[in-house]
Amino acid sequence: MRTPIAALGVGLVHGMGGSAGVGVLLLAAIPSETVAVASLVLLALFTALSMTVVTVGFGLTLSMRPVAAASSTFVPALGAASLAFGIWYAAAVWSLAPYPY
């Protein structure tokens, strides 16, 4: 079973991975090493903070009684749609299906 601390750790690792490109560009664009490190620290801090706020908002919304009751209907539909998209996307990558973009 995942603990809240473990979930936070997973979120932090994924957040750092998703923001790594922005961090590298940020560091490359700033000539001063001190300013670059301070900027990277601020980027990491506020990225983690903003992701936390959004995740808490989604979590609270999904845990409300009306949404939780309706989720038994829409979660399987979202799962099926996600699976269909993933299959189509993989087929498009392998040139087995049309990719309009």
C-alpha atoms as a PDB file:
ATOM      1  CA  MET A   1       0.000   0.000   0.000  1.00  0.00           C
ATOM      2  CA  ARG A   2       1.312   3.448  -0.921  1.00  0.00           C
ATOM      3  CA  THR A   3       1.739   5.911   1.906  1.00  0.00           C
ATOM      4  CA  PRO A   4       1.241   9.664   1.468  1.00  0.00           C
ATOM      5  CA  ILE A   5       5.021  10.160   1.690  1.00  0.00           C
ATOM      6  CA  ALA A   6       5.610   7.546  -1.024  1.00  0.00           C
ATOM      7  CA  ALA A   7       2.983   9.221  -3.220  1.00  0.00           C
ATOM      8  CA  LEU A   8       4.708  12.558  -2.669  1.00  0.00           C
ATOM      9  CA  GLY A   9       8.033  10.996  -3.656  1.00  0.00           C
ATOM     10  CA  VAL A  10       6.555   9.563  -6.864  1.00  0.00           C
ATOM     11  CA  GLY A  11       5.035  12.942  -7.677  1.00  0.00           C
ATOM     12  CA  LEU A  12       8.305  14.764  -7.043  1.00  0.00           C
ATOM     13  CA  VAL A  13      10.266  12.385  -9.274  1.00  0.00           C
ATOM     14  CA  HIS A  14       7.728  12.696 -12.091  1.00  0.00           C
ATOM     15  CA  GLY A  15       7.607  16.450 -11.681  1.00  0.00           C
ATOM     16  CA  MET A  16      11.377  16.737 -11.864  1.00  0.00           C
ATOM     17  CA  GLY A  17      11.437  14.531 -14.955  1.00  0.00           C
ATOM     18  CA  GLY A  18       8.799  16.611 -16.692  1.00  0.00           C
ATOM     19  CA  SER A  19      10.494  19.889 -15.844  1.00  0.00           C
ATOM     20  CA  ALA A  20      14.068  18.825 -16.584  1.00  0.00           C
ATOM     21  CA  GLY A  21      14.069  20.290 -20.097  1.00  0.00           C
ATOM     22  CA  VAL A  22      12.894  23.645 -18.829  1.00  0.00           C
ATOM     23  CA  GLY A  23      15.541  23.557 -16.112  1.00  0.00           C
ATOM     24  CA  VAL A  24      18.322  22.819 -18.588  1.00  0.00           C
ATOM     25  CA  LEU A  25      17.182  25.647 -20.873  1.00  0.00           C
ATOM     26  CA  LEU A  26      16.988  27.961 -17.882  1.00  0.00           C
ATOM     27  CA  LEU A  27      20.526  27.128 -16.777  1.00  0.00           C
ATOM     28  CA  ALA A  28      21.903  27.491 -20.302  1.00  0.00           C
ATOM     29  CA  ALA A  29      20.361  30.941 -20.741  1.00  0.00           C
ATOM     30  CA  ILE A  30      21.758  32.504 -17.546  1.00  0.00           C
ATOM     31  CA  PRO A  31      25.437  33.502 -17.610  1.00  0.00           C
ATOM     32  CA  SER A  32      25.839  33.925 -13.822  1.00  0.00           C
ATOM     33  CA  GLU A  33      26.254  30.630 -11.972  1.00  0.00           C
ATOM     34  CA  THR A  34      24.783  32.027  -8.749  1.00  0.00           C
ATOM     35  CA  VAL A  35      21.708  33.410 -10.490  1.00  0.00           C
ATOM     36  CA  ALA A  36      21.333  30.170 -12.469  1.00  0.00           C
ATOM     37  CA  VAL A  37      21.359  28.018  -9.322  1.00  0.00           C
ATOM     38  CA  ALA A  38      18.934  30.368  -7.544  1.00  0.00           C
ATOM     39  CA  SER A  39      16.645  30.293 -10.583  1.00  0.00           C
ATOM     40  CA  LEU A  40      16.757  26.501 -10.722  1.00  0.00           C
ATOM     41  CA  VAL A  41      15.917  26.240  -7.020  1.00  0.00           C
ATOM     42  CA  LEU A  42      12.974  28.633  -7.448  1.00  0.00           C
ATOM     43  CA  LEU A  43      11.761  26.764 -10.547  1.00  0.00           C
ATOM     44  CA  ALA A  44      11.902  23.433  -8.712  1.00  0.00           C
ATOM     45  CA  LEU A  45      10.208  24.811  -5.600  1.00  0.00           C
ATOM     46  CA  PHE A  46       7.342  26.511  -7.394  1.00  0.00           C
ATOM     47  CA  THR A  47       6.882  23.644  -9.850  1.00  0.00           C
ATOM     48  CA  ALA A  48       6.467  21.249  -6.925  1.00  0.00           C
ATOM     49  CA  LEU A  49       4.179  23.713  -5.138  1.00  0.00           C
ATOM     50  CA  SER A  50       1.941  24.291  -8.159  1.00  0.00           C
ATOM     51  CA  MET A  51       1.696  20.564  -8.886  1.00  0.00           C
ATOM     52  CA  THR A  52       0.782  19.939  -5.260  1.00  0.00           C
ATOM     53  CA  VAL A  53      -1.977  22.554  -5.317  1.00  0.00           C
ATOM     54  CA  VAL A  54      -3.473  21.171  -8.532  1.00  0.00           C
ATOM     55  CA  THR A  55      -3.251  17.565  -7.303  1.00  0.00           C
ATOM     56  CA  VAL A  56      -4.907  18.418  -3.987  1.00  0.00           C
ATOM     57  CA  GLY A  57      -7.663  20.235  -5.883  1.00  0.00           C
ATOM     58  CA  PHE A  58      -8.289  17.237  -8.130  1.00  0.00           C
ATOM     59  CA  GLY A  59      -8.142  14.861  -5.166  1.00  0.00           C
ATOM     60  CA  LEU A  60     -10.640  16.861  -3.136  1.00  0.00           C
ATOM     61  CA  THR A  61     -12.960  17.168  -6.124  1.00  0.00           C
ATOM     62  CA  LEU A  62     -12.821  13.458  -6.888  1.00  0.00           C
ATOM     63  CA  SER A  63     -13.447  12.530  -3.253  1.00  0.00           C
ATOM     64  CA  MET A  64     -16.692  14.534  -3.018  1.00  0.00           C
ATOM     65  CA  ARG A  65     -19.726  12.282  -2.700  1.00  0.00           C
ATOM     66  CA  PRO A  66     -21.520  13.230  -5.969  1.00  0.00           C
ATOM     67  CA  VAL A  67     -18.341  12.911  -8.028  1.00  0.00           C
ATOM     68  CA  ALA A  68     -17.330   9.654  -6.342  1.00  0.00           C
ATOM     69  CA  ALA A  69     -20.788   8.195  -7.025  1.00  0.00           C
ATOM     70  CA  ALA A  70     -20.691   9.247 -10.682  1.00  0.00           C
ATOM     71  CA  SER A  71     -17.156   7.915 -11.117  1.00  0.00           C
ATOM     72  CA  SER A  72     -18.414   4.328 -11.280  1.00  0.00           C
ATOM     73  CA  THR A  73     -19.980   5.337 -14.603  1.00  0.00           C
ATOM     74  CA  PHE A  74     -17.381   7.585 -16.203  1.00  0.00           C
ATOM     75  CA  VAL A  75     -14.125   5.945 -15.035  1.00  0.00           C
ATOM     76  CA  PRO A  76     -14.617   2.785 -17.148  1.00  0.00           C
ATOM     77  CA  ALA A  77     -15.580   4.964 -20.143  1.00  0.00           C
ATOM     78  CA  LEU A  78     -12.462   7.113 -19.685  1.00  0.00           C
ATOM     79  CA  GLY A  79     -10.344   3.973 -19.360  1.00  0.00           C
ATOM     80  CA  ALA A  80     -11.773   2.529 -22.581  1.00  0.00           C
ATOM     81  CA  ALA A  81     -11.241   5.833 -24.407  1.00  0.00           C
ATOM     82  CA  SER A  82      -7.650   6.030 -23.128  1.00  0.00           C
ATOM     83  CA  LEU A  83      -6.974   2.465 -24.225  1.00  0.00           C
ATOM     84  CA  ALA A  84      -8.427   3.148 -27.682  1.00  0.00           C
ATOM     85  CA  PHE A  85      -6.313   6.296 -28.030  1.00  0.00           C
ATOM     86  CA  GLY A  86      -3.174   4.430 -26.940  1.00  0.00           C
ATOM     87  CA  ILE A  87      -3.783   1.653 -29.455  1.00  0.00           C
ATOM     88  CA  TRP A  88      -4.426   4.172 -32.245  1.00  0.00           C
ATOM     89  CA  TYR A  89      -1.359   6.211 -31.313  1.00  0.00           C
ATOM     90  CA  ALA A  90       0.891   3.129 -31.222  1.00  0.00           C
ATOM     91  CA  ALA A  91      -0.486   2.004 -34.583  1.00  0.00           C
ATOM     92  CA  ALA A  92       0.164   5.480 -36.004  1.00  0.00           C
ATOM     93  CA  VAL A  93       3.747   5.424 -34.722  1.00  0.00           C
ATOM     94  CA  TRP A  94       4.283   2.099 -36.518  1.00  0.00           C
ATOM     95  CA  SER A  95       2.607   3.524 -39.659  1.00  0.00           C
ATOM     96  CA  LEU A  96      -0.280   1.070 -39.344  1.00  0.00           C
ATOM     97  CA  ALA A  97      -2.905   3.789 -38.953  1.00  0.00           C
ATOM     98  CA  PRO A  98      -3.298   7.306 -40.362  1.00  0.00           C
ATOM     99  CA  TYR A  99      -1.803  10.126 -38.329  1.00  0.00           C
ATOM    100  CA  PRO A 100      -3.377  13.426 -39.430  1.00  0.00           C
ATOM    101  CA  TYR A 101      -0.838  15.764 -37.836  1.00  0.00           C
END
